[in-house]
Amino acid sequence: MTTGNLYADRSGRGKLELTGPQRAWFLHQILTQAFEDIEPGEARDTALITAHGRMVGYMEALATDDALLLHFESELIDTLPEALQRYVFATQVTIRDVTNDFGLVLVVDPRWKKIAHEVAPDALAHRTLSFGVAAGYLWIAKELLHETLIALKGSGLQEATEEELEGLRVEWGMARWGHEMTEKTLPPEAGLDDIAVHYDKGCYVGQEAMAKIRFRGKVNRKLRRLRSDEPLAVGSELTLEDSKVGTVTSAAGGHALAMIRHTVEPGARVTAGEVTATVIDMTGPGKDPT
């Protein structure tokens, strides 16, 4: 599968803008990632979790000179902003929904920074780890979105469908909200330790639960890649030696992702009905492909 030369309009994702002198401190206190030391232009993945460590939402954050911008899956638009707002209290931070103020364009290409500078020099841009390959998001003023998409096509990039992007994500083993991440998921189960959890920053909502998992050294299930000669169906139960060991969470052709019992090692052969698949180790989520 190609790992470059693609672009996609992903403006439907939810977007928030945080302003105020305590904006970074605020996120630092409630999210799994560290924010007090974030610099303008830097991007970090992060999650909001419950006191028991279950996920409330997952987002990508970008720091600018005077704000923090967040974007997340459209399924979270009705719940995540309200969940963040509950923690404001007397904090000097303002959370504003800017979903309809900005377009959000994805560029999948090792040259994404150069391309972004050429076609949209005034856009805010940041790397994304969502697909396991070199890629970046461009925040575009809504009135400039159409011409930016035309410029990207004119630069020689191909417009990617969501199906193609899913295939890329699944092949490289990257978790996505609504698939490998839900309200029942613990971040380490989805392989998010290296990219979205800061274990040394001190207290935050759910910190004690994350520390216990780290100290214990394991979770009961882990995200794994699967390979098969026949397509696997999302939701299919996986069995090993007649015991249920997991569930398929995403699938694209002969590639799939599944949450599997932690005792099942790479190389194991599991079945989903009549289809047999091999459990493959992860490619290393969190290794910045740029």
C-alpha atoms as a PDB file:
ATOM      1  CA  MET A   1       0.000   0.000   0.000  1.00  0.00           C
ATOM      2  CA  THR A   2       1.180   3.523  -0.778  1.00  0.00           C
ATOM      3  CA  THR A   3       2.436   5.528   2.171  1.00  0.00           C
ATOM      4  CA  GLY A   4       2.465   8.914   0.475  1.00  0.00           C
ATOM      5  CA  ASN A   5       1.220  11.284  -2.189  1.00  0.00           C
ATOM      6  CA  LEU A   6      -2.246  11.525  -0.631  1.00  0.00           C
ATOM      7  CA  TYR A   7      -4.504  14.223   0.767  1.00  0.00           C
ATOM      8  CA  ALA A   8      -7.989  14.222   2.273  1.00  0.00           C
ATOM      9  CA  ASP A   9     -10.506  16.742   3.554  1.00  0.00           C
ATOM     10  CA  ARG A  10     -11.191  15.797   7.177  1.00  0.00           C
ATOM     11  CA  SER A  11     -12.954  18.995   8.161  1.00  0.00           C
ATOM     12  CA  GLY A  12     -15.742  17.004   9.807  1.00  0.00           C
ATOM     13  CA  ARG A  13     -13.559  16.323  12.824  1.00  0.00           C
ATOM     14  CA  GLY A  14     -14.414  18.207  16.015  1.00  0.00           C
ATOM     15  CA  LYS A  15     -12.200  21.208  16.846  1.00  0.00           C
ATOM     16  CA  LEU A  16     -11.687  23.243  20.009  1.00  0.00           C
ATOM     17  CA  GLU A  17      -9.624  26.326  20.756  1.00  0.00           C
ATOM     18  CA  LEU A  18      -8.342  26.906  24.294  1.00  0.00           C
ATOM     19  CA  THR A  19      -7.171  30.388  25.245  1.00  0.00           C
ATOM     20  CA  GLY A  20      -6.241  32.079  28.506  1.00  0.00           C
ATOM     21  CA  PRO A  21      -3.089  32.156  30.652  1.00  0.00           C
ATOM     22  CA  GLN A  22      -3.776  28.777  32.266  1.00  0.00           C
ATOM     23  CA  ARG A  23      -4.704  26.846  29.110  1.00  0.00           C
ATOM     24  CA  ALA A  24      -1.638  24.565  29.173  1.00  0.00           C
ATOM     25  CA  TRP A  25      -1.827  24.095  32.959  1.00  0.00           C
ATOM     26  CA  PHE A  26      -5.498  23.169  32.607  1.00  0.00           C
ATOM     27  CA  LEU A  27      -4.848  20.386  30.096  1.00  0.00           C
ATOM     28  CA  HIS A  28      -1.810  19.253  32.076  1.00  0.00           C
ATOM     29  CA  GLN A  29      -4.041  18.661  35.121  1.00  0.00           C
ATOM     30  CA  ILE A  30      -6.742  16.618  33.411  1.00  0.00           C
ATOM     31  CA  LEU A  31      -5.270  14.821  30.378  1.00  0.00           C
ATOM     32  CA  THR A  32      -2.845  11.917  30.095  1.00  0.00           C
ATOM     33  CA  GLN A  33      -0.153  13.896  28.269  1.00  0.00           C
ATOM     34  CA  ALA A  34       2.117  16.665  29.603  1.00  0.00           C
ATOM     35  CA  PHE A  35       1.346  20.198  28.452  1.00  0.00           C
ATOM     36  CA  GLU A  36       3.095  22.660  30.747  1.00  0.00           C
ATOM     37  CA  ASP A  37       6.265  22.465  28.638  1.00  0.00           C
ATOM     38  CA  ILE A  38       4.633  22.424  25.190  1.00  0.00           C
ATOM     39  CA  GLU A  39       6.094  24.911  22.694  1.00  0.00           C
ATOM     40  CA  PRO A  40       4.307  26.766  19.853  1.00  0.00           C
ATOM     41  CA  GLY A  41       4.192  24.545  16.778  1.00  0.00           C
ATOM     42  CA  GLU A  42       4.451  21.346  18.815  1.00  0.00           C
ATOM     43  CA  ALA A  43       1.759  18.652  18.635  1.00  0.00           C
ATOM     44  CA  ARG A  44       0.924  15.983  21.198  1.00  0.00           C
ATOM     45  CA  ASP A  45      -1.601  13.161  21.300  1.00  0.00           C
ATOM     46  CA  THR A  46      -3.579  12.847  24.501  1.00  0.00           C
ATOM     47  CA  ALA A  47      -6.629  11.319  26.150  1.00  0.00           C
ATOM     48  CA  LEU A  48      -9.207  12.224  28.748  1.00  0.00           C
ATOM     49  CA  ILE A  49      -9.841   9.253  31.025  1.00  0.00           C
ATOM     50  CA  THR A  50     -11.948   8.487  34.067  1.00  0.00           C
ATOM     51  CA  ALA A  51     -10.597   7.981  37.585  1.00  0.00           C
ATOM     52  CA  HIS A  52     -10.587   4.251  36.794  1.00  0.00           C
ATOM     53  CA  GLY A  53      -8.538   4.762  33.620  1.00  0.00           C
ATOM     54  CA  ARG A  54     -11.297   4.210  31.045  1.00  0.00           C
ATOM     55  CA  MET A  55     -11.200   6.490  28.035  1.00  0.00           C
ATOM     56  CA  VAL A  56     -13.583   9.419  27.644  1.00  0.00           C
ATOM     57  CA  GLY A  57     -12.022  10.750  24.455  1.00  0.00           C
ATOM     58  CA  TYR A  58      -8.864  10.920  22.375  1.00  0.00           C
ATOM     59  CA  MET A  59      -7.507  14.006  20.655  1.00  0.00           C
ATOM     60  CA  GLU A  60      -4.551  15.621  18.924  1.00  0.00           C
ATOM     61  CA  ALA A  61      -3.342  18.941  20.337  1.00  0.00           C
ATOM     62  CA  LEU A  62      -1.387  21.738  18.651  1.00  0.00           C
ATOM     63  CA  ALA A  63       0.176  24.673  20.489  1.00  0.00           C
ATOM     64  CA  THR A  64       0.237  28.128  18.900  1.00  0.00           C
ATOM     65  CA  ASP A  65       1.605  31.386  20.283  1.00  0.00           C
ATOM     66  CA  ASP A  66      -1.664  32.225  22.019  1.00  0.00           C
ATOM     67  CA  ALA A  67      -3.839  29.101  22.022  1.00  0.00           C
ATOM     68  CA  LEU A  68      -4.054  25.327  22.166  1.00  0.00           C
ATOM     69  CA  LEU A  69      -6.024  23.691  19.372  1.00  0.00           C
ATOM     70  CA  LEU A  70      -7.587  20.252  19.717  1.00  0.00           C
ATOM     71  CA  HIS A  71      -9.182  18.030  17.105  1.00  0.00           C
ATOM     72  CA  PHE A  72     -10.908  14.680  17.481  1.00  0.00           C
ATOM     73  CA  GLU A  73     -13.290  12.216  15.835  1.00  0.00           C
ATOM     74  CA  SER A  74     -16.710  13.580  14.901  1.00  0.00           C
ATOM     75  CA  GLU A  75     -18.357  10.939  17.124  1.00  0.00           C
ATOM     76  CA  LEU A  76     -17.018  12.857  20.134  1.00  0.00           C
ATOM     77  CA  ILE A  77     -18.392  16.283  19.174  1.00  0.00           C
ATOM     78  CA  ASP A  78     -21.480  15.889  21.364  1.00  0.00           C
ATOM     79  CA  THR A  79     -19.633  14.612  24.446  1.00  0.00           C
ATOM     80  CA  LEU A  80     -15.947  15.545  24.648  1.00  0.00           C
ATOM     81  CA  PRO A  81     -16.232  19.375  24.768  1.00  0.00           C
ATOM     82  CA  GLU A  82     -18.746  19.144  27.598  1.00  0.00           C
ATOM     83  CA  ALA A  83     -16.549  16.630  29.435  1.00  0.00           C
ATOM     84  CA  LEU A  84     -13.581  19.015  29.266  1.00  0.00           C
ATOM     85  CA  GLN A  85     -15.700  21.996  30.296  1.00  0.00           C
ATOM     86  CA  ARG A  86     -16.691  20.274  33.551  1.00  0.00           C
ATOM     87  CA  TYR A  87     -13.136  20.648  34.846  1.00  0.00           C
ATOM     88  CA  VAL A  88     -12.753  24.381  34.218  1.00  0.00           C
ATOM     89  CA  PHE A  89     -14.073  25.664  37.584  1.00  0.00           C
ATOM     90  CA  ALA A  90     -12.118  28.885  38.294  1.00  0.00           C
ATOM     91  CA  THR A  91      -9.265  28.115  35.888  1.00  0.00           C
ATOM     92  CA  GLN A  92      -8.252  30.982  33.605  1.00  0.00           C
ATOM     93  CA  VAL A  93      -9.064  29.180  30.380  1.00  0.00           C
ATOM     94  CA  THR A  94     -11.740  29.610  27.732  1.00  0.00           C
ATOM     95  CA  ILE A  95     -12.836  26.663  25.594  1.00  0.00           C
ATOM     96  CA  ARG A  96     -14.409  27.605  22.277  1.00  0.00           C
ATOM     97  CA  ASP A  97     -15.876  25.275  19.679  1.00  0.00           C
ATOM     98  CA  VAL A  98     -14.244  26.132  16.343  1.00  0.00           C
ATOM     99  CA  THR A  99     -15.436  23.092  14.413  1.00  0.00           C
ATOM    100  CA  ASN A 100     -17.106  25.269  11.781  1.00  0.00           C
ATOM    101  CA  ASP A 101     -14.402  27.948  11.699  1.00  0.00           C
ATOM    102  CA  PHE A 102     -11.611  25.804  10.292  1.00  0.00           C
ATOM    103  CA  GLY A 103     -11.138  23.231   7.608  1.00  0.00           C
ATOM    104  CA  LEU A 104      -8.816  20.346   8.457  1.00  0.00           C
ATOM    105  CA  VAL A 105      -6.801  18.787   5.656  1.00  0.00           C
ATOM    106  CA  LEU A 106      -4.679  15.666   5.947  1.00  0.00           C
ATOM    107  CA  VAL A 107      -1.522  15.237   3.874  1.00  0.00           C
ATOM    108  CA  VAL A 108       0.043  11.771   3.852  1.00  0.00           C
ATOM    109  CA  ASP A 109       3.525  12.094   2.429  1.00  0.00           C
ATOM    110  CA  PRO A 110       7.116  12.181   3.730  1.00  0.00           C
ATOM    111  CA  ARG A 111       7.249  15.726   2.279  1.00  0.00           C
ATOM    112  CA  TRP A 112       4.108  16.909   4.048  1.00  0.00           C
ATOM    113  CA  LYS A 113       5.813  19.884   5.734  1.00  0.00           C
ATOM    114  CA  LYS A 114       7.237  21.157   2.445  1.00  0.00           C
ATOM    115  CA  ILE A 115       3.924  20.611   0.671  1.00  0.00           C
ATOM    116  CA  ALA A 116       2.036  22.446   3.401  1.00  0.00           C
ATOM    117  CA  HIS A 117       4.385  25.425   3.165  1.00  0.00           C
ATOM    118  CA  GLU A 118       4.004  25.581  -0.610  1.00  0.00           C
ATOM    119  CA  VAL A 119       0.225  25.279  -0.903  1.00  0.00           C
ATOM    120  CA  ALA A 120      -0.870  26.933   2.363  1.00  0.00           C
ATOM    121  CA  PRO A 121       2.020  28.943   3.855  1.00  0.00           C
ATOM    122  CA  ASP A 122      -0.223  30.637   6.410  1.00  0.00           C
ATOM    123  CA  ALA A 123      -1.856  27.431   7.655  1.00  0.00           C
ATOM    124  CA  LEU A 124      -1.204  25.971  11.082  1.00  0.00           C
ATOM    125  CA  ALA A 125       0.266  22.524  10.509  1.00  0.00           C
ATOM    126  CA  HIS A 126       1.330  19.624  12.717  1.00  0.00           C
ATOM    127  CA  ARG A 127       2.414  16.043  12.412  1.00  0.00           C
ATOM    128  CA  THR A 128      -0.033  13.233  13.055  1.00  0.00           C
ATOM    129  CA  LEU A 129       0.751   9.690  14.186  1.00  0.00           C
ATOM    130  CA  SER A 130      -2.711   8.413  13.321  1.00  0.00           C
ATOM    131  CA  PHE A 131      -1.655   6.329  10.332  1.00  0.00           C
ATOM    132  CA  GLY A 132       1.778   5.066  11.316  1.00  0.00           C
ATOM    133  CA  VAL A 133       3.468   6.853   8.385  1.00  0.00           C
ATOM    134  CA  ALA A 134       4.670  10.389   7.742  1.00  0.00           C
ATOM    135  CA  ALA A 135       1.639  12.664   7.635  1.00  0.00           C
ATOM    136  CA  GLY A 136       0.406  16.026   8.844  1.00  0.00           C
ATOM    137  CA  TYR A 137      -2.771  18.022   9.401  1.00  0.00           C
ATOM    138  CA  LEU A 138      -3.314  21.554   8.095  1.00  0.00           C
ATOM    139  CA  TRP A 139      -5.708  23.907   9.888  1.00  0.00           C
ATOM    140  CA  ILE A 140      -7.215  26.016   7.103  1.00  0.00           C
ATOM    141  CA  ALA A 141      -9.475  29.053   7.407  1.00  0.00           C
ATOM    142  CA  LYS A 142     -12.864  27.824   6.195  1.00  0.00           C
ATOM    143  CA  GLU A 143     -13.013  30.363   3.359  1.00  0.00           C
ATOM    144  CA  LEU A 144      -9.663  29.090   2.012  1.00  0.00           C
ATOM    145  CA  LEU A 145     -10.461  25.380   2.206  1.00  0.00           C
ATOM    146  CA  HIS A 146     -11.658  24.917  -1.375  1.00  0.00           C
ATOM    147  CA  GLU A 147      -8.678  26.608  -2.981  1.00  0.00           C
ATOM    148  CA  THR A 148      -6.305  24.692  -0.703  1.00  0.00           C
ATOM    149  CA  LEU A 149      -7.777  21.377  -1.825  1.00  0.00           C
ATOM    150  CA  ILE A 150      -7.419  22.455  -5.459  1.00  0.00           C
ATOM    151  CA  ALA A 151      -3.788  23.447  -4.811  1.00  0.00           C
ATOM    152  CA  LEU A 152      -3.024  20.089  -3.229  1.00  0.00           C
ATOM    153  CA  LYS A 153      -4.449  18.263  -6.215  1.00  0.00           C
ATOM    154  CA  GLY A 154      -2.511  20.545  -8.530  1.00  0.00           C
ATOM    155  CA  SER A 155       0.702  19.708  -6.688  1.00  0.00           C
ATOM    156  CA  GLY A 156       0.346  16.105  -7.796  1.00  0.00           C
ATOM    157  CA  LEU A 157      -1.251  14.577  -4.700  1.00  0.00           C
ATOM    158  CA  GLN A 158      -4.115  12.131  -5.032  1.00  0.00           C
ATOM    159  CA  GLU A 159      -7.323  12.577  -3.061  1.00  0.00           C
ATOM    160  CA  ALA A 160      -7.676   9.647  -0.677  1.00  0.00           C
ATOM    161  CA  THR A 161     -10.973   8.072   0.280  1.00  0.00           C
ATOM    162  CA  GLU A 162     -11.709   7.260   3.911  1.00  0.00           C
ATOM    163  CA  GLU A 163     -11.562   3.588   2.914  1.00  0.00           C
ATOM    164  CA  GLU A 164      -8.007   4.036   1.652  1.00  0.00           C
ATOM    165  CA  LEU A 165      -7.002   5.863   4.818  1.00  0.00           C
ATOM    166  CA  GLU A 166      -8.523   3.100   6.926  1.00  0.00           C
ATOM    167  CA  GLY A 167      -6.534   0.536   4.990  1.00  0.00           C
ATOM    168  CA  LEU A 168      -3.334   2.443   5.711  1.00  0.00           C
ATOM    169  CA  ARG A 169      -4.154   2.824   9.416  1.00  0.00           C
ATOM    170  CA  VAL A 170      -5.056  -0.832   9.825  1.00  0.00           C
ATOM    171  CA  GLU A 171      -1.990  -2.060   7.965  1.00  0.00           C
ATOM    172  CA  TRP A 172       0.292  -0.031  10.227  1.00  0.00           C
ATOM    173  CA  GLY A 173      -1.590  -0.935  13.387  1.00  0.00           C
ATOM    174  CA  MET A 174      -2.783   2.424  14.709  1.00  0.00           C
ATOM    175  CA  ALA A 175      -5.769   2.617  17.061  1.00  0.00           C
ATOM    176  CA  ARG A 176      -8.788   4.793  16.273  1.00  0.00           C
ATOM    177  CA  TRP A 177     -11.627   6.072  18.407  1.00  0.00           C
ATOM    178  CA  GLY A 178     -14.800   4.054  17.865  1.00  0.00           C
ATOM    179  CA  HIS A 179     -12.783   0.986  16.862  1.00  0.00           C
ATOM    180  CA  GLU A 180      -9.856   0.153  19.154  1.00  0.00           C
ATOM    181  CA  MET A 181     -10.696   2.994  21.542  1.00  0.00           C
ATOM    182  CA  THR A 182     -14.061   3.215  23.301  1.00  0.00           C
ATOM    183  CA  GLU A 183     -15.387   4.161  26.736  1.00  0.00           C
ATOM    184  CA  LYS A 184     -14.338   0.688  27.920  1.00  0.00           C
ATOM    185  CA  THR A 185     -10.717   0.986  26.789  1.00  0.00           C
ATOM    186  CA  LEU A 186      -7.657   1.572  28.938  1.00  0.00           C
ATOM    187  CA  PRO A 187      -5.014   3.568  26.984  1.00  0.00           C
ATOM    188  CA  PRO A 188      -2.294   0.885  27.334  1.00  0.00           C
ATOM    189  CA  GLU A 189      -4.637  -1.689  25.784  1.00  0.00           C
ATOM    190  CA  ALA A 190      -4.680   0.371  22.577  1.00  0.00           C
ATOM    191  CA  GLY A 191      -0.908   0.792  22.507  1.00  0.00           C
ATOM    192  CA  LEU A 192      -1.035   4.463  23.467  1.00  0.00           C
ATOM    193  CA  ASP A 193       1.605   4.463  26.220  1.00  0.00           C
ATOM    194  CA  ASP A 194       4.387   5.922  24.098  1.00  0.00           C
ATOM    195  CA  ILE A 195       2.376   8.545  22.267  1.00  0.00           C
ATOM    196  CA  ALA A 196      -0.315   9.774  24.630  1.00  0.00           C
ATOM    197  CA  VAL A 197       0.519   8.920  28.258  1.00  0.00           C
ATOM    198  CA  HIS A 198       3.114  10.770  30.360  1.00  0.00           C
ATOM    199  CA  TYR A 199       3.919   8.628  33.385  1.00  0.00           C
ATOM    200  CA  ASP A 200       6.201  11.090  35.183  1.00  0.00           C
ATOM    201  CA  LYS A 201       4.266  14.362  35.166  1.00  0.00           C
ATOM    202  CA  GLY A 202       2.372  13.914  38.440  1.00  0.00           C
ATOM    203  CA  CYS A 203      -1.320  13.972  39.219  1.00  0.00           C
ATOM    204  CA  TYR A 204      -4.085  14.103  36.630  1.00  0.00           C
ATOM    205  CA  VAL A 205      -7.490  12.499  36.284  1.00  0.00           C
ATOM    206  CA  GLY A 206      -6.911   8.723  36.152  1.00  0.00           C
ATOM    207  CA  GLN A 207      -3.193   8.962  37.005  1.00  0.00           C
ATOM    208  CA  GLU A 208      -3.431   6.440  39.827  1.00  0.00           C
ATOM    209  CA  ALA A 209      -5.059   3.859  37.547  1.00  0.00           C
ATOM    210  CA  MET A 210      -2.343   4.357  34.902  1.00  0.00           C
ATOM    211  CA  ALA A 211       0.403   4.050  37.523  1.00  0.00           C
ATOM    212  CA  LYS A 212      -1.046   0.771  38.808  1.00  0.00           C
ATOM    213  CA  ILE A 213      -1.110  -0.652  35.288  1.00  0.00           C
ATOM    214  CA  ARG A 214       2.486   0.370  34.711  1.00  0.00           C
ATOM    215  CA  PHE A 215       3.613  -1.040  38.047  1.00  0.00           C
ATOM    216  CA  ARG A 216       1.742  -4.285  37.399  1.00  0.00           C
ATOM    217  CA  GLY A 217       3.309  -4.398  33.954  1.00  0.00           C
ATOM    218  CA  LYS A 218       0.378  -5.653  31.934  1.00  0.00           C
ATOM    219  CA  VAL A 219      -3.214  -5.265  30.852  1.00  0.00           C
ATOM    220  CA  ASN A 220      -5.553  -8.169  30.218  1.00  0.00           C
ATOM    221  CA  ARG A 221      -5.809  -7.486  26.493  1.00  0.00           C
ATOM    222  CA  LYS A 222      -3.674  -5.805  23.863  1.00  0.00           C
ATOM    223  CA  LEU A 223      -4.088  -4.370  20.394  1.00  0.00           C
ATOM    224  CA  ARG A 224      -2.625  -6.700  17.788  1.00  0.00           C
ATOM    225  CA  ARG A 225      -2.396  -6.795  14.014  1.00  0.00           C
ATOM    226  CA  LEU A 226      -3.774  -9.760  12.087  1.00  0.00           C
ATOM    227  CA  ARG A 227      -2.946 -11.160   8.657  1.00  0.00           C
ATOM    228  CA  SER A 228      -5.185 -13.527   6.747  1.00  0.00           C
ATOM    229  CA  ASP A 229      -5.739 -14.828   3.218  1.00  0.00           C
ATOM    230  CA  GLU A 230      -9.429 -13.969   3.447  1.00  0.00           C
ATOM    231  CA  PRO A 231     -11.137 -10.812   4.726  1.00  0.00           C
ATOM    232  CA  LEU A 232     -12.037 -10.668   8.402  1.00  0.00           C
ATOM    233  CA  ALA A 233     -15.284  -9.080   9.566  1.00  0.00           C
ATOM    234  CA  VAL A 234     -15.336  -6.368  12.227  1.00  0.00           C
ATOM    235  CA  GLY A 235     -16.923  -7.733  15.382  1.00  0.00           C
ATOM    236  CA  SER A 236     -15.890 -11.332  14.712  1.00  0.00           C
ATOM    237  CA  GLU A 237     -14.871 -13.307  17.779  1.00  0.00           C
ATOM    238  CA  LEU A 238     -11.389 -14.785  17.661  1.00  0.00           C
ATOM    239  CA  THR A 239     -10.676 -18.186  19.122  1.00  0.00           C
ATOM    240  CA  LEU A 240      -7.525 -20.107  19.919  1.00  0.00           C
ATOM    241  CA  GLU A 241      -7.758 -23.772  20.829  1.00  0.00           C
ATOM    242  CA  ASP A 242     -11.542 -23.412  21.232  1.00  0.00           C
ATOM    243  CA  SER A 243     -11.232 -20.497  23.677  1.00  0.00           C
ATOM    244  CA  LYS A 244     -12.325 -16.977  22.880  1.00  0.00           C
ATOM    245  CA  VAL A 245      -9.272 -14.723  22.941  1.00  0.00           C
ATOM    246  CA  GLY A 246     -10.410 -11.480  21.318  1.00  0.00           C
ATOM    247  CA  THR A 247     -12.514  -9.492  18.866  1.00  0.00           C
ATOM    248  CA  VAL A 248     -11.767  -7.950  15.468  1.00  0.00           C
ATOM    249  CA  THR A 249     -12.039  -4.155  15.784  1.00  0.00           C
ATOM    250  CA  SER A 250     -10.983  -2.979  12.300  1.00  0.00           C
ATOM    251  CA  ALA A 251     -10.466  -4.742   8.991  1.00  0.00           C
ATOM    252  CA  ALA A 252      -9.210  -3.907   5.511  1.00  0.00           C
ATOM    253  CA  GLY A 253      -8.745  -6.775   3.087  1.00  0.00           C
ATOM    254  CA  GLY A 254      -6.279  -9.266   4.511  1.00  0.00           C
ATOM    255  CA  HIS A 255      -5.244  -6.856   7.271  1.00  0.00           C
ATOM    256  CA  ALA A 256      -7.088  -6.427  10.548  1.00  0.00           C
ATOM    257  CA  LEU A 257      -6.747  -5.141  14.089  1.00  0.00           C
ATOM    258  CA  ALA A 258      -8.056  -6.870  17.164  1.00  0.00           C
ATOM    259  CA  MET A 259      -8.106  -6.591  20.918  1.00  0.00           C
ATOM    260  CA  ILE A 260      -6.611  -9.921  22.019  1.00  0.00           C
ATOM    261  CA  ARG A 261      -5.893 -11.568  25.358  1.00  0.00           C
ATOM    262  CA  HIS A 262      -2.420 -10.540  26.528  1.00  0.00           C
ATOM    263  CA  THR A 263      -1.237 -14.140  26.721  1.00  0.00           C
ATOM    264  CA  VAL A 264      -1.614 -14.634  22.943  1.00  0.00           C
ATOM    265  CA  GLU A 265       1.801 -14.020  21.404  1.00  0.00           C
ATOM    266  CA  PRO A 266       2.716 -12.904  17.876  1.00  0.00           C
ATOM    267  CA  GLY A 267       2.839 -15.851  15.530  1.00  0.00           C
ATOM    268  CA  ALA A 268      -0.220 -17.527  17.011  1.00  0.00           C
ATOM    269  CA  ARG A 269      -2.893 -18.725  14.588  1.00  0.00           C
ATOM    270  CA  VAL A 270      -6.411 -17.676  15.563  1.00  0.00           C
ATOM    271  CA  THR A 271      -9.740 -18.304  13.876  1.00  0.00           C
ATOM    272  CA  ALA A 272     -12.824 -16.221  13.213  1.00  0.00           C
ATOM    273  CA  GLY A 273     -15.457 -18.627  11.984  1.00  0.00           C
ATOM    274  CA  GLU A 274     -13.941 -20.301   8.936  1.00  0.00           C
ATOM    275  CA  VAL A 275     -11.176 -17.722   8.519  1.00  0.00           C
ATOM    276  CA  THR A 276      -7.724 -18.295   9.989  1.00  0.00           C
ATOM    277  CA  ALA A 277      -5.391 -15.394  10.757  1.00  0.00           C
ATOM    278  CA  THR A 278      -1.892 -14.935  12.110  1.00  0.00           C
ATOM    279  CA  VAL A 279      -1.264 -12.603  15.036  1.00  0.00           C
ATOM    280  CA  ILE A 280       1.414 -10.085  14.076  1.00  0.00           C
ATOM    281  CA  ASP A 281       3.420  -7.917  16.437  1.00  0.00           C
ATOM    282  CA  MET A 282       2.790  -4.179  16.341  1.00  0.00           C
ATOM    283  CA  THR A 283       4.980  -1.913  14.209  1.00  0.00           C
ATOM    284  CA  GLY A 284       5.714   0.300  17.199  1.00  0.00           C
ATOM    285  CA  PRO A 285       3.030   2.933  17.713  1.00  0.00           C
ATOM    286  CA  GLY A 286       4.595   6.134  18.903  1.00  0.00           C
ATOM    287  CA  LYS A 287       7.690   6.028  16.710  1.00  0.00           C
ATOM    288  CA  ASP A 288       7.295   9.293  14.852  1.00  0.00           C
ATOM    289  CA  PRO A 289       7.522   8.294  11.151  1.00  0.00           C
ATOM    290  CA  THR A 290       8.624  11.803  10.227  1.00  0.00           C
END
